[in-house]
Amino acid sequence: MRHEKAGRLLDLARMLASTAEGLTLDEMAERMAVGRRTAERMRDAVRDLFPQLEEVDDPPTRRFRIPAGLDGLFQAPTAEELAALAAAAELFAQQGAGARAGALRSLETKVLSATRAAARRKLAPDLEALLQAETIAVQAGPRPFEDQAVLAAVREALLSLKALRFRYQGGATPGRMRDVTPFGVLFGRSNYLVADEGQGPRNWRLDRIGDIAVSDRAASRPDGFSLQAYADESFGIYQDDTEDVVLRVTPAGASDALRWRFHANQVVEPQADGAVIVRFRASGMLELAWHLFTWGDKVEVLAPAALKQVLIAQIDIARRTHASETVAAES
């Protein structure tokens, strides 16, 4: 058996051992990027190597899994995997996401403690070299608030399908107690709880939440709600009117635009003159305007008019602020 083929079979075995409900043949084919017939042959080969492979009826199909997991011999991490884990923890730490950084470092410790001593000794030199050769460039921006107690209460409410009660230092009446149904958490430049107080989902900044507690009231998000779909509605975090955005990127910025993701649902259309048209539907025009300033004169807003107005308003604010400072300095 060729090394590459053995490695792919081991990857599939790990997938089958990491799922409680099992994988269908179609799911195996999708994850391994192969056709269904190839997935069948790979499944049969995995069954030969791991007789504990279990078949579960799930009409109208069948699922396959390795319920007892794999022996540690097959689970030794690579230096690249451990370096990526360490880098992710460091990135979270630099961003101020201490809770998630701690969780990744705890996972790293567990992985290493479960790795056989001989494998750890073999990994050590390569891991040390990678950690010294790779680092994270710190980018300017807000440090997201991440309080262990707040996140723990939110997660408890989400898992137990209970409502949350907290004091919110924001909105029209700062300091008022709120009773909400939690839908999830959006992590980003700032971290937000997505929850419904009775008027539909809205974003609540975690750094403005205090005196939080899980209530006894049963609460669950509505059927069909997708946190990812909700997040994709906006450019960034802010939610307002949804607009059809059309941007023209000049030929000078076209190569960058072809490698850039403005939005999860964007459509990119190269033009005959070398320019690029980018279309997507989103809310959050203020955040989008802030981002477009970084493109300078390489991006022209074709639509909507509301985005053009936001850009002009932001320019006017900057002009007034800095013009007044210039006059004061000269006087």
C-alpha atoms as a PDB file:
ATOM      1  CA  MET A   1       0.000   0.000   0.000  1.00  0.00           C
ATOM      2  CA  ARG A   2       1.418   3.378  -0.995  1.00  0.00           C
ATOM      3  CA  HIS A   3       2.168   5.837   1.796  1.00  0.00           C
ATOM      4  CA  GLU A   4      -0.328   8.411   0.454  1.00  0.00           C
ATOM      5  CA  LYS A   5      -3.121   5.823   0.256  1.00  0.00           C
ATOM      6  CA  ALA A   6      -2.404   4.559   3.775  1.00  0.00           C
ATOM      7  CA  GLY A   7      -2.447   8.120   5.065  1.00  0.00           C
ATOM      8  CA  ARG A   8      -5.849   8.829   3.495  1.00  0.00           C
ATOM      9  CA  LEU A   9      -7.309   5.628   4.939  1.00  0.00           C
ATOM     10  CA  LEU A  10      -6.031   6.640   8.365  1.00  0.00           C
ATOM     11  CA  ASP A  11      -7.616  10.084   7.907  1.00  0.00           C
ATOM     12  CA  LEU A  12     -10.949   8.425   7.148  1.00  0.00           C
ATOM     13  CA  ALA A  13     -10.590   6.103  10.140  1.00  0.00           C
ATOM     14  CA  ARG A  14      -9.993   9.134  12.376  1.00  0.00           C
ATOM     15  CA  MET A  15     -13.124  10.791  11.003  1.00  0.00           C
ATOM     16  CA  LEU A  16     -15.158   7.656  11.691  1.00  0.00           C
ATOM     17  CA  ALA A  17     -13.757   7.457  15.204  1.00  0.00           C
ATOM     18  CA  SER A  18     -14.430  11.124  15.960  1.00  0.00           C
ATOM     19  CA  THR A  19     -18.181  11.102  15.289  1.00  0.00           C
ATOM     20  CA  ALA A  20     -20.840   9.766  17.643  1.00  0.00           C
ATOM     21  CA  GLU A  21     -23.574   9.391  15.032  1.00  0.00           C
ATOM     22  CA  GLY A  22     -21.324   8.082  12.247  1.00  0.00           C
ATOM     23  CA  LEU A  23     -20.905   9.096   8.604  1.00  0.00           C
ATOM     24  CA  THR A  24     -22.871   8.068   5.531  1.00  0.00           C
ATOM     25  CA  LEU A  25     -21.062   7.090   2.334  1.00  0.00           C
ATOM     26  CA  ASP A  26     -22.029  10.410   0.787  1.00  0.00           C
ATOM     27  CA  GLU A  27     -20.572  12.286   3.777  1.00  0.00           C
ATOM     28  CA  MET A  28     -17.371  10.247   3.524  1.00  0.00           C
ATOM     29  CA  ALA A  29     -17.131  11.055  -0.174  1.00  0.00           C
ATOM     30  CA  GLU A  30     -17.639  14.770   0.500  1.00  0.00           C
ATOM     31  CA  ARG A  31     -15.080  14.974   3.307  1.00  0.00           C
ATOM     32  CA  MET A  32     -12.472  12.962   1.410  1.00  0.00           C
ATOM     33  CA  ALA A  33     -13.234  14.763  -1.881  1.00  0.00           C
ATOM     34  CA  VAL A  34     -13.771  11.505  -3.786  1.00  0.00           C
ATOM     35  CA  GLY A  35     -16.613   9.804  -5.654  1.00  0.00           C
ATOM     36  CA  ARG A  36     -19.087   7.495  -3.969  1.00  0.00           C
ATOM     37  CA  ARG A  37     -17.538   4.335  -5.429  1.00  0.00           C
ATOM     38  CA  THR A  38     -14.113   5.372  -4.143  1.00  0.00           C
ATOM     39  CA  ALA A  39     -15.654   6.090  -0.750  1.00  0.00           C
ATOM     40  CA  GLU A  40     -17.100   2.566  -0.709  1.00  0.00           C
ATOM     41  CA  ARG A  41     -13.695   1.050  -1.458  1.00  0.00           C
ATOM     42  CA  MET A  42     -12.062   3.202   1.231  1.00  0.00           C
ATOM     43  CA  ARG A  43     -14.703   2.163   3.756  1.00  0.00           C
ATOM     44  CA  ASP A  44     -14.091  -1.504   2.977  1.00  0.00           C
ATOM     45  CA  ALA A  45     -10.336  -0.996   3.361  1.00  0.00           C
ATOM     46  CA  VAL A  46     -10.869   0.725   6.713  1.00  0.00           C
ATOM     47  CA  ARG A  47     -13.058  -2.208   7.820  1.00  0.00           C
ATOM     48  CA  ASP A  48     -10.209  -4.595   6.971  1.00  0.00           C
ATOM     49  CA  LEU A  49      -7.793  -2.522   9.086  1.00  0.00           C
ATOM     50  CA  PHE A  50     -10.252  -1.778  11.897  1.00  0.00           C
ATOM     51  CA  PRO A  51     -12.730  -4.663  12.319  1.00  0.00           C
ATOM     52  CA  GLN A  52     -14.477  -2.693  15.065  1.00  0.00           C
ATOM     53  CA  LEU A  53     -16.063  -0.485  12.371  1.00  0.00           C
ATOM     54  CA  GLU A  54     -19.775  -0.412  13.176  1.00  0.00           C
ATOM     55  CA  GLU A  55     -22.724  -0.059  10.819  1.00  0.00           C
ATOM     56  CA  VAL A  56     -25.795   1.831  12.077  1.00  0.00           C
ATOM     57  CA  ASP A  57     -29.176   1.865  10.352  1.00  0.00           C
ATOM     58  CA  ASP A  58     -30.435   5.393   9.772  1.00  0.00           C
ATOM     59  CA  PRO A  59     -33.273   5.047   7.230  1.00  0.00           C
ATOM     60  CA  PRO A  60     -33.190   5.692   4.363  1.00  0.00           C
ATOM     61  CA  THR A  61     -29.423   5.297   4.601  1.00  0.00           C
ATOM     62  CA  ARG A  62     -26.739   3.744   6.797  1.00  0.00           C
ATOM     63  CA  ARG A  63     -24.015   5.280   8.888  1.00  0.00           C
ATOM     64  CA  PHE A  64     -20.578   3.969   9.828  1.00  0.00           C
ATOM     65  CA  ARG A  65     -18.450   4.698  12.880  1.00  0.00           C
ATOM     66  CA  ILE A  66     -15.652   3.348  15.047  1.00  0.00           C
ATOM     67  CA  PRO A  67     -17.344   3.675  18.461  1.00  0.00           C
ATOM     68  CA  ALA A  68     -14.381   2.843  20.705  1.00  0.00           C
ATOM     69  CA  GLY A  69     -12.025   5.286  19.005  1.00  0.00           C
ATOM     70  CA  LEU A  70      -8.535   4.517  17.783  1.00  0.00           C
ATOM     71  CA  ASP A  71      -5.518   3.362  19.700  1.00  0.00           C
ATOM     72  CA  GLY A  72      -3.050   6.104  20.614  1.00  0.00           C
ATOM     73  CA  LEU A  73      -0.584   4.560  18.167  1.00  0.00           C
ATOM     74  CA  PHE A  74      -2.684   5.995  15.316  1.00  0.00           C
ATOM     75  CA  GLN A  75      -3.386   9.330  16.964  1.00  0.00           C
ATOM     76  CA  ALA A  76       0.054  10.887  17.466  1.00  0.00           C
ATOM     77  CA  PRO A  77      -0.100  14.566  16.403  1.00  0.00           C
ATOM     78  CA  THR A  78       2.368  16.080  13.958  1.00  0.00           C
ATOM     79  CA  ALA A  79       4.656  19.001  14.700  1.00  0.00           C
ATOM     80  CA  GLU A  80       2.675  21.111  12.206  1.00  0.00           C
ATOM     81  CA  GLU A  81      -0.617  20.347  13.999  1.00  0.00           C
ATOM     82  CA  LEU A  82       0.795  21.236  17.409  1.00  0.00           C
ATOM     83  CA  ALA A  83       2.393  24.403  16.048  1.00  0.00           C
ATOM     84  CA  ALA A  84      -0.939  25.453  14.540  1.00  0.00           C
ATOM     85  CA  LEU A  85      -2.661  24.806  17.862  1.00  0.00           C
ATOM     86  CA  ALA A  86      -0.067  26.860  19.738  1.00  0.00           C
ATOM     87  CA  ALA A  87      -0.327  29.672  17.179  1.00  0.00           C
ATOM     88  CA  ALA A  88      -4.112  29.771  17.489  1.00  0.00           C
ATOM     89  CA  ALA A  89      -3.842  29.982  21.282  1.00  0.00           C
ATOM     90  CA  GLU A  90      -1.302  32.793  21.011  1.00  0.00           C
ATOM     91  CA  LEU A  91      -3.506  34.680  18.532  1.00  0.00           C
ATOM     92  CA  PHE A  92      -6.461  34.457  20.896  1.00  0.00           C
ATOM     93  CA  ALA A  93      -4.265  35.634  23.780  1.00  0.00           C
ATOM     94  CA  GLN A  94      -3.005  38.650  21.818  1.00  0.00           C
ATOM     95  CA  GLN A  95      -6.580  39.549  20.902  1.00  0.00           C
ATOM     96  CA  GLY A  96      -7.606  39.483  24.545  1.00  0.00           C
ATOM     97  CA  ALA A  97      -9.633  36.281  24.164  1.00  0.00           C
ATOM     98  CA  GLY A  98      -8.208  34.749  27.322  1.00  0.00           C
ATOM     99  CA  ALA A  99     -10.914  32.138  27.819  1.00  0.00           C
ATOM    100  CA  ARG A 100     -10.497  30.616  24.368  1.00  0.00           C
ATOM    101  CA  ALA A 101      -6.706  30.885  24.575  1.00  0.00           C
ATOM    102  CA  GLY A 102      -6.813  28.965  27.852  1.00  0.00           C
ATOM    103  CA  ALA A 103      -9.083  26.318  26.341  1.00  0.00           C
ATOM    104  CA  LEU A 104      -6.680  25.727  23.439  1.00  0.00           C
ATOM    105  CA  ARG A 105      -3.668  25.544  25.749  1.00  0.00           C
ATOM    106  CA  SER A 106      -5.518  23.046  27.916  1.00  0.00           C
ATOM    107  CA  LEU A 107      -6.269  21.008  24.792  1.00  0.00           C
ATOM    108  CA  GLU A 108      -2.596  21.149  23.809  1.00  0.00           C
ATOM    109  CA  THR A 109      -1.624  19.790  27.221  1.00  0.00           C
ATOM    110  CA  LYS A 110      -4.158  16.977  26.963  1.00  0.00           C
ATOM    111  CA  VAL A 111      -2.970  16.020  23.478  1.00  0.00           C
ATOM    112  CA  LEU A 112       0.653  15.923  24.562  1.00  0.00           C
ATOM    113  CA  SER A 113      -0.136  14.000  27.752  1.00  0.00           C
ATOM    114  CA  ALA A 114      -1.971  11.378  25.670  1.00  0.00           C
ATOM    115  CA  THR A 115       0.947  11.068  23.231  1.00  0.00           C
ATOM    116  CA  ARG A 116       3.435   8.292  23.808  1.00  0.00           C
ATOM    117  CA  ALA A 117       6.799   9.331  25.204  1.00  0.00           C
ATOM    118  CA  ALA A 118       8.722   8.149  22.150  1.00  0.00           C
ATOM    119  CA  ALA A 119       6.477  10.181  19.849  1.00  0.00           C
ATOM    120  CA  ARG A 120       6.833  13.268  22.076  1.00  0.00           C
ATOM    121  CA  ARG A 121      10.623  13.002  21.958  1.00  0.00           C
ATOM    122  CA  LYS A 122      10.523  12.707  18.174  1.00  0.00           C
ATOM    123  CA  LEU A 123       8.206  15.715  17.866  1.00  0.00           C
ATOM    124  CA  ALA A 124      10.107  18.031  20.204  1.00  0.00           C
ATOM    125  CA  PRO A 125      12.902  19.262  17.881  1.00  0.00           C
ATOM    126  CA  ASP A 126      10.610  19.975  14.922  1.00  0.00           C
ATOM    127  CA  LEU A 127       7.989  21.627  17.121  1.00  0.00           C
ATOM    128  CA  GLU A 128      10.555  23.877  18.760  1.00  0.00           C
ATOM    129  CA  ALA A 129      11.943  24.884  15.358  1.00  0.00           C
ATOM    130  CA  LEU A 130       8.475  25.747  14.029  1.00  0.00           C
ATOM    131  CA  LEU A 131       7.541  27.751  17.114  1.00  0.00           C
ATOM    132  CA  GLN A 132      10.725  29.804  16.786  1.00  0.00           C
ATOM    133  CA  ALA A 133      10.295  30.319  13.041  1.00  0.00           C
ATOM    134  CA  GLU A 134       6.634  31.376  13.033  1.00  0.00           C
ATOM    135  CA  THR A 135       4.923  34.233  14.845  1.00  0.00           C
ATOM    136  CA  ILE A 136       1.772  36.326  14.625  1.00  0.00           C
ATOM    137  CA  ALA A 137       1.694  39.884  13.341  1.00  0.00           C
ATOM    138  CA  VAL A 138      -0.330  41.975  15.779  1.00  0.00           C
ATOM    139  CA  GLN A 139      -2.971  44.064  14.022  1.00  0.00           C
ATOM    140  CA  ALA A 140      -4.464  47.277  15.316  1.00  0.00           C
ATOM    141  CA  GLY A 141      -8.006  47.013  16.594  1.00  0.00           C
ATOM    142  CA  PRO A 142     -10.121  46.616  19.709  1.00  0.00           C
ATOM    143  CA  ARG A 143      -9.379  43.839  22.160  1.00  0.00           C
ATOM    144  CA  PRO A 144     -12.560  41.772  22.475  1.00  0.00           C
ATOM    145  CA  PHE A 145     -14.027  41.375  25.947  1.00  0.00           C
ATOM    146  CA  GLU A 146     -14.076  37.779  27.101  1.00  0.00           C
ATOM    147  CA  ASP A 147     -15.083  37.153  30.688  1.00  0.00           C
ATOM    148  CA  GLN A 148     -15.104  33.557  31.891  1.00  0.00           C
ATOM    149  CA  ALA A 149     -18.186  34.035  34.096  1.00  0.00           C
ATOM    150  CA  VAL A 150     -20.225  35.705  31.347  1.00  0.00           C
ATOM    151  CA  LEU A 151     -19.309  33.093  28.723  1.00  0.00           C
ATOM    152  CA  ALA A 152     -19.956  30.253  31.165  1.00  0.00           C
ATOM    153  CA  ALA A 153     -23.467  31.560  31.926  1.00  0.00           C
ATOM    154  CA  VAL A 154     -24.247  32.047  28.235  1.00  0.00           C
ATOM    155  CA  ARG A 155     -23.085  28.540  27.360  1.00  0.00           C
ATOM    156  CA  GLU A 156     -25.015  27.027  30.265  1.00  0.00           C
ATOM    157  CA  ALA A 157     -28.201  28.758  29.094  1.00  0.00           C
ATOM    158  CA  LEU A 158     -27.671  27.636  25.498  1.00  0.00           C
ATOM    159  CA  LEU A 159     -27.062  24.020  26.492  1.00  0.00           C
ATOM    160  CA  SER A 160     -29.906  23.858  29.020  1.00  0.00           C
ATOM    161  CA  LEU A 161     -32.363  25.819  26.810  1.00  0.00           C
ATOM    162  CA  LYS A 162     -32.921  28.404  29.529  1.00  0.00           C
ATOM    163  CA  ALA A 163     -33.369  32.177  29.467  1.00  0.00           C
ATOM    164  CA  LEU A 164     -30.721  34.639  30.619  1.00  0.00           C
ATOM    165  CA  ARG A 165     -31.137  37.580  32.969  1.00  0.00           C
ATOM    166  CA  PHE A 166     -28.504  40.323  33.159  1.00  0.00           C
ATOM    167  CA  ARG A 167     -27.942  44.015  33.732  1.00  0.00           C
ATOM    168  CA  TYR A 168     -27.091  45.790  30.481  1.00  0.00           C
ATOM    169  CA  GLN A 169     -25.023  48.984  30.473  1.00  0.00           C
ATOM    170  CA  GLY A 170     -26.128  50.028  27.026  1.00  0.00           C
ATOM    171  CA  GLY A 171     -29.156  50.921  24.960  1.00  0.00           C
ATOM    172  CA  ALA A 172     -31.639  53.679  25.773  1.00  0.00           C
ATOM    173  CA  THR A 173     -31.816  52.786  29.473  1.00  0.00           C
ATOM    174  CA  PRO A 174     -28.343  51.757  30.720  1.00  0.00           C
ATOM    175  CA  GLY A 175     -28.343  49.617  33.829  1.00  0.00           C
ATOM    176  CA  ARG A 176     -31.745  48.020  33.268  1.00  0.00           C
ATOM    177  CA  MET A 177     -32.198  44.298  33.897  1.00  0.00           C
ATOM    178  CA  ARG A 178     -32.937  42.303  30.756  1.00  0.00           C
ATOM    179  CA  ASP A 179     -34.571  38.902  30.323  1.00  0.00           C
ATOM    180  CA  VAL A 180     -33.645  37.345  26.994  1.00  0.00           C
ATOM    181  CA  THR A 181     -33.659  34.131  25.007  1.00  0.00           C
ATOM    182  CA  PRO A 182     -30.056  33.435  23.965  1.00  0.00           C
ATOM    183  CA  PHE A 183     -29.395  32.363  20.376  1.00  0.00           C
ATOM    184  CA  GLY A 184     -25.574  32.257  20.356  1.00  0.00           C
ATOM    185  CA  VAL A 185     -22.354  34.261  20.508  1.00  0.00           C
ATOM    186  CA  LEU A 186     -20.624  36.195  17.728  1.00  0.00           C
ATOM    187  CA  PHE A 187     -16.850  36.394  18.185  1.00  0.00           C
ATOM    188  CA  GLY A 188     -15.028  39.154  16.329  1.00  0.00           C
ATOM    189  CA  ARG A 189     -13.390  42.521  16.892  1.00  0.00           C
ATOM    190  CA  SER A 190     -15.969  42.815  19.655  1.00  0.00           C
ATOM    191  CA  ASN A 191     -17.883  39.888  21.112  1.00  0.00           C
ATOM    192  CA  TYR A 192     -21.678  39.882  21.133  1.00  0.00           C
ATOM    193  CA  LEU A 193     -24.462  37.788  22.588  1.00  0.00           C
ATOM    194  CA  VAL A 194     -27.236  37.271  20.032  1.00  0.00           C
ATOM    195  CA  ALA A 195     -30.483  37.132  21.980  1.00  0.00           C
ATOM    196  CA  ASP A 196     -34.175  38.002  21.760  1.00  0.00           C
ATOM    197  CA  GLU A 197     -35.884  40.243  24.294  1.00  0.00           C
ATOM    198  CA  GLY A 198     -39.180  39.963  22.477  1.00  0.00           C
ATOM    199  CA  GLN A 199     -38.591  41.907  19.260  1.00  0.00           C
ATOM    200  CA  GLY A 200     -36.420  39.420  17.420  1.00  0.00           C
ATOM    201  CA  PRO A 201     -32.687  38.724  17.614  1.00  0.00           C
ATOM    202  CA  ARG A 202     -30.331  41.607  18.333  1.00  0.00           C
ATOM    203  CA  ASN A 203     -26.705  41.967  19.398  1.00  0.00           C
ATOM    204  CA  TRP A 204     -25.720  42.623  23.012  1.00  0.00           C
ATOM    205  CA  ARG A 205     -22.109  43.563  23.712  1.00  0.00           C
ATOM    206  CA  LEU A 206     -20.571  41.153  26.211  1.00  0.00           C
ATOM    207  CA  ASP A 207     -18.492  43.898  27.825  1.00  0.00           C
ATOM    208  CA  ARG A 208     -21.712  45.716  28.795  1.00  0.00           C
ATOM    209  CA  ILE A 209     -23.306  42.680  30.455  1.00  0.00           C
ATOM    210  CA  GLY A 210     -23.161  42.319  34.237  1.00  0.00           C
ATOM    211  CA  ASP A 211     -24.932  40.482  37.066  1.00  0.00           C
ATOM    212  CA  ILE A 212     -25.657  37.658  34.642  1.00  0.00           C
ATOM    213  CA  ALA A 213     -27.577  34.539  35.691  1.00  0.00           C
ATOM    214  CA  VAL A 214     -29.339  31.618  34.068  1.00  0.00           C
ATOM    215  CA  SER A 215     -33.052  31.790  34.870  1.00  0.00           C
ATOM    216  CA  ASP A 216     -35.518  28.962  35.381  1.00  0.00           C
ATOM    217  CA  ARG A 217     -37.599  29.999  32.372  1.00  0.00           C
ATOM    218  CA  ALA A 218     -37.382  27.598  29.456  1.00  0.00           C
ATOM    219  CA  ALA A 219     -36.161  29.298  26.302  1.00  0.00           C
ATOM    220  CA  SER A 220     -34.933  28.033  22.962  1.00  0.00           C
ATOM    221  CA  ARG A 221     -34.220  29.718  19.676  1.00  0.00           C
ATOM    222  CA  PRO A 222     -36.875  29.239  16.991  1.00  0.00           C
ATOM    223  CA  ASP A 223     -36.725  26.317  14.581  1.00  0.00           C
ATOM    224  CA  GLY A 224     -34.834  27.189  11.437  1.00  0.00           C
ATOM    225  CA  PHE A 225     -32.752  29.965  13.001  1.00  0.00           C
ATOM    226  CA  SER A 226     -29.131  29.813  11.831  1.00  0.00           C
ATOM    227  CA  LEU A 227     -26.539  31.845  13.692  1.00  0.00           C
ATOM    228  CA  GLN A 228     -24.253  31.686  10.647  1.00  0.00           C
ATOM    229  CA  ALA A 229     -27.000  32.954   8.344  1.00  0.00           C
ATOM    230  CA  TYR A 230     -27.769  35.744  10.821  1.00  0.00           C
ATOM    231  CA  ALA A 231     -24.095  36.746  10.932  1.00  0.00           C
ATOM    232  CA  ASP A 232     -23.850  36.628   7.138  1.00  0.00           C
ATOM    233  CA  GLU A 233     -26.623  39.216   6.843  1.00  0.00           C
ATOM    234  CA  SER A 234     -24.282  41.980   7.956  1.00  0.00           C
ATOM    235  CA  PHE A 235     -20.881  43.305   6.982  1.00  0.00           C
ATOM    236  CA  GLY A 236     -19.159  42.830  10.331  1.00  0.00           C
ATOM    237  CA  ILE A 237     -21.326  43.024  13.439  1.00  0.00           C
ATOM    238  CA  TYR A 238     -23.775  45.865  13.048  1.00  0.00           C
ATOM    239  CA  GLN A 239     -27.279  44.950  11.888  1.00  0.00           C
ATOM    240  CA  ASP A 240     -29.421  47.539  10.102  1.00  0.00           C
ATOM    241  CA  ASP A 241     -31.327  47.706   6.801  1.00  0.00           C
ATOM    242  CA  THR A 242     -30.164  45.070   4.332  1.00  0.00           C
ATOM    243  CA  GLU A 243     -28.856  46.524   1.082  1.00  0.00           C
ATOM    244  CA  ASP A 244     -27.824  45.225  -2.330  1.00  0.00           C
ATOM    245  CA  VAL A 245     -24.192  46.326  -2.558  1.00  0.00           C
ATOM    246  CA  VAL A 246     -22.393  46.745  -5.873  1.00  0.00           C
ATOM    247  CA  LEU A 247     -18.723  47.760  -5.862  1.00  0.00           C
ATOM    248  CA  ARG A 248     -16.434  48.450  -8.811  1.00  0.00           C
ATOM    249  CA  VAL A 249     -12.786  47.736  -8.104  1.00  0.00           C
ATOM    250  CA  THR A 250     -10.486  49.491 -10.565  1.00  0.00           C
ATOM    251  CA  PRO A 251      -7.937  47.549 -12.632  1.00  0.00           C
ATOM    252  CA  ALA A 252      -5.240  48.729 -10.197  1.00  0.00           C
ATOM    253  CA  GLY A 253      -6.939  46.844  -7.356  1.00  0.00           C
ATOM    254  CA  ALA A 254      -8.445  43.963  -9.338  1.00  0.00           C
ATOM    255  CA  SER A 255      -5.816  41.376  -8.418  1.00  0.00           C
ATOM    256  CA  ASP A 256      -6.331  42.131  -4.722  1.00  0.00           C
ATOM    257  CA  ALA A 257     -10.117  42.015  -5.102  1.00  0.00           C
ATOM    258  CA  LEU A 258      -9.986  38.576  -6.718  1.00  0.00           C
ATOM    259  CA  ARG A 259      -8.214  37.275  -3.607  1.00  0.00           C
ATOM    260  CA  TRP A 260     -10.363  39.226  -1.141  1.00  0.00           C
ATOM    261  CA  ARG A 261     -13.609  38.233   0.540  1.00  0.00           C
ATOM    262  CA  PHE A 262     -15.842  41.224   1.097  1.00  0.00           C
ATOM    263  CA  HIS A 263     -18.763  39.048   2.138  1.00  0.00           C
ATOM    264  CA  ALA A 264     -19.626  35.375   2.520  1.00  0.00           C
ATOM    265  CA  ASN A 265     -22.237  35.557  -0.266  1.00  0.00           C
ATOM    266  CA  GLN A 266     -20.365  37.752  -2.724  1.00  0.00           C
ATOM    267  CA  VAL A 267     -20.400  37.346  -6.505  1.00  0.00           C
ATOM    268  CA  VAL A 268     -17.243  38.556  -8.287  1.00  0.00           C
ATOM    269  CA  GLU A 269     -17.405  39.533 -11.969  1.00  0.00           C
ATOM    270  CA  PRO A 270     -14.176  40.357 -13.866  1.00  0.00           C
ATOM    271  CA  GLN A 271     -14.735  43.084 -16.474  1.00  0.00           C
ATOM    272  CA  ALA A 272     -13.329  43.527 -19.979  1.00  0.00           C
ATOM    273  CA  ASP A 273     -11.449  46.681 -18.938  1.00  0.00           C
ATOM    274  CA  GLY A 274      -9.607  44.821 -16.172  1.00  0.00           C
ATOM    275  CA  ALA A 275     -11.853  46.052 -13.371  1.00  0.00           C
ATOM    276  CA  VAL A 276     -13.861  43.785 -11.062  1.00  0.00           C
ATOM    277  CA  ILE A 277     -17.510  44.107 -10.015  1.00  0.00           C
ATOM    278  CA  VAL A 278     -18.343  42.717  -6.566  1.00  0.00           C
ATOM    279  CA  ARG A 279     -21.971  42.136  -5.584  1.00  0.00           C
ATOM    280  CA  PHE A 280     -23.426  41.013  -2.260  1.00  0.00           C
ATOM    281  CA  ARG A 281     -26.408  41.629  -0.010  1.00  0.00           C
ATOM    282  CA  ALA A 282     -25.722  42.767   3.548  1.00  0.00           C
ATOM    283  CA  SER A 283     -26.501  45.191   6.327  1.00  0.00           C
ATOM    284  CA  GLY A 284     -23.927  47.148   8.323  1.00  0.00           C
ATOM    285  CA  MET A 285     -23.187  50.014   5.936  1.00  0.00           C
ATOM    286  CA  LEU A 286     -21.150  51.934   8.531  1.00  0.00           C
ATOM    287  CA  GLU A 287     -18.677  49.084   9.023  1.00  0.00           C
ATOM    288  CA  LEU A 288     -18.536  48.533   5.279  1.00  0.00           C
ATOM    289  CA  ALA A 289     -17.762  52.223   4.758  1.00  0.00           C
ATOM    290  CA  TRP A 290     -14.935  52.040   7.299  1.00  0.00           C
ATOM    291  CA  HIS A 291     -13.480  49.080   5.412  1.00  0.00           C
ATOM    292  CA  LEU A 292     -13.791  50.709   1.998  1.00  0.00           C
ATOM    293  CA  PHE A 293     -11.628  53.633   3.145  1.00  0.00           C
ATOM    294  CA  THR A 294      -8.710  51.171   3.311  1.00  0.00           C
ATOM    295  CA  TRP A 295      -9.029  50.650  -0.459  1.00  0.00           C
ATOM    296  CA  GLY A 296      -8.446  54.328  -1.228  1.00  0.00           C
ATOM    297  CA  ASP A 297      -9.358  55.217  -4.811  1.00  0.00           C
ATOM    298  CA  LYS A 298      -9.379  51.589  -5.946  1.00  0.00           C
ATOM    299  CA  VAL A 299     -13.055  51.048  -5.102  1.00  0.00           C
ATOM    300  CA  GLU A 300     -16.102  52.928  -6.398  1.00  0.00           C
ATOM    301  CA  VAL A 301     -19.520  52.366  -4.830  1.00  0.00           C
ATOM    302  CA  LEU A 302     -22.118  51.806  -7.554  1.00  0.00           C
ATOM    303  CA  ALA A 303     -24.925  50.924  -5.119  1.00  0.00           C
ATOM    304  CA  PRO A 304     -26.648  51.495  -2.769  1.00  0.00           C
ATOM    305  CA  ALA A 305     -27.103  55.236  -2.393  1.00  0.00           C
ATOM    306  CA  ALA A 306     -27.232  54.741   1.395  1.00  0.00           C
ATOM    307  CA  LEU A 307     -23.630  53.474   1.401  1.00  0.00           C
ATOM    308  CA  LYS A 308     -22.466  56.475  -0.618  1.00  0.00           C
ATOM    309  CA  GLN A 309     -24.172  58.770   1.896  1.00  0.00           C
ATOM    310  CA  VAL A 310     -22.467  57.031   4.823  1.00  0.00           C
ATOM    311  CA  LEU A 311     -19.067  57.392   3.138  1.00  0.00           C
ATOM    312  CA  ILE A 312     -19.636  61.103   2.487  1.00  0.00           C
ATOM    313  CA  ALA A 313     -20.859  61.646   6.069  1.00  0.00           C
ATOM    314  CA  GLN A 314     -17.762  59.955   7.500  1.00  0.00           C
ATOM    315  CA  ILE A 315     -15.503  62.096   5.290  1.00  0.00           C
ATOM    316  CA  ASP A 316     -17.323  65.236   6.446  1.00  0.00           C
ATOM    317  CA  ILE A 317     -16.884  64.237  10.094  1.00  0.00           C
ATOM    318  CA  ALA A 318     -13.151  63.685   9.591  1.00  0.00           C
ATOM    319  CA  ARG A 319     -12.806  66.959   7.665  1.00  0.00           C
ATOM    320  CA  ARG A 320     -14.602  68.985  10.354  1.00  0.00           C
ATOM    321  CA  THR A 321     -12.623  67.374  13.155  1.00  0.00           C
ATOM    322  CA  HIS A 322      -9.217  67.828  11.616  1.00  0.00           C
ATOM    323  CA  ALA A 323      -9.920  71.196  10.044  1.00  0.00           C
ATOM    324  CA  SER A 324     -10.892  72.613  13.453  1.00  0.00           C
ATOM    325  CA  GLU A 325      -7.730  71.143  14.991  1.00  0.00           C
ATOM    326  CA  THR A 326      -5.636  72.792  12.231  1.00  0.00           C
ATOM    327  CA  VAL A 327      -7.245  76.195  12.826  1.00  0.00           C
ATOM    328  CA  ALA A 328      -6.735  75.900  16.578  1.00  0.00           C
ATOM    329  CA  ALA A 329      -3.077  74.984  16.127  1.00  0.00           C
ATOM    330  CA  GLU A 330      -2.429  77.880  13.768  1.00  0.00           C
ATOM    331  CA  SER A 331      -4.083  80.388  16.118  1.00  0.00           C
END
